[in-house]
C-alpha cells in the first residue's frame, strides 16, 4: 500500500518503510523504527540531507 501524507506522526505510526522524495527524486529510504525522528525526516524533506547521494537511481 502506498501512503502519502504530510502528517509525519501518521506516517511513522502506519508505515514499515518510509521513502522521502524531493523534487521528484528519492533522497532517503528508511526502515521505520523508533530511532527515526520527525526532525530527521524533515531534514530529508528540506534537502539538507540526501541519504542516497551518489547511488544508482531507484527503478521507476
Protein backbone atom coordinates (compact mmCIF):
# COMPACT_ATOMS: atom_id res chain seq x y z
CA UNK A 1 0.00 0.00 0.00
CA UNK A 2 1.24 3.48 -0.77
CA UNK A 3 0.52 6.14 1.84
CA UNK A 4 1.17 9.79 1.05
CA UNK A 5 0.82 12.23 3.91
CA UNK A 6 2.21 15.50 5.21
CA UNK A 7 1.42 14.33 8.76
CA UNK A 8 4.71 12.81 9.93
CA UNK A 9 3.15 11.23 13.03
CA UNK A 10 0.67 9.42 10.81
CA UNK A 11 3.44 8.19 8.50
CA UNK A 12 5.55 6.88 11.36
CA UNK A 13 2.59 5.14 13.01
CA UNK A 14 1.32 3.39 9.86
CA UNK A 15 4.46 2.66 7.81
CA UNK A 16 7.02 -0.13 7.83
CA UNK A 17 9.26 1.74 5.42
CA UNK A 18 9.49 5.41 4.51
CA UNK A 19 10.76 6.86 1.23
CA UNK A 20 11.37 10.61 1.16
CA UNK A 21 11.12 12.40 -2.18
CA UNK A 22 12.35 15.87 -3.05
CA UNK A 23 11.88 17.43 -6.49
CA UNK A 24 10.84 14.07 -7.97
CA UNK A 25 13.91 12.24 -6.65
CA UNK A 26 14.05 9.74 -3.78
CA UNK A 27 16.52 11.17 -1.25
CA UNK A 28 16.05 8.70 1.61
CA UNK A 29 14.85 5.14 2.16
CA UNK A 30 14.35 4.33 5.83
CA UNK A 31 13.06 1.28 7.64
CA UNK A 32 10.59 2.54 10.20
CA UNK A 33 11.94 2.11 13.71
CA UNK A 34 11.73 4.06 16.96
CA UNK A 35 15.03 5.80 16.16
CA UNK A 36 13.58 7.69 13.17
CA UNK A 37 12.53 11.15 14.31
CA UNK A 38 10.33 13.79 12.73
CA UNK A 39 13.38 16.09 12.75
CA UNK A 40 15.44 13.62 10.71
CA UNK A 41 12.63 13.20 8.17
CA UNK A 42 12.31 16.99 7.99
CA UNK A 43 15.99 17.33 7.07
CA UNK A 44 15.50 14.96 4.14
CA UNK A 45 12.27 16.72 3.12
CA UNK A 46 14.03 20.10 3.08
CA UNK A 47 17.01 18.79 1.11
CA UNK A 48 19.50 19.35 3.94
CA UNK A 49 20.36 15.63 3.94
CA UNK A 50 20.48 13.24 0.97
CA UNK A 51 20.98 9.64 2.05
CA UNK A 52 21.08 8.28 -1.50
CA UNK A 53 23.53 10.84 -2.95
CA UNK A 54 25.84 9.12 -5.42
CA UNK A 55 23.84 5.88 -5.56
CA UNK A 56 22.19 4.49 -8.65
CA UNK A 57 18.66 5.84 -9.09
CA UNK A 58 15.80 3.65 -7.91
CA UNK A 59 13.96 1.92 -10.77
CA UNK A 60 10.73 3.67 -11.74
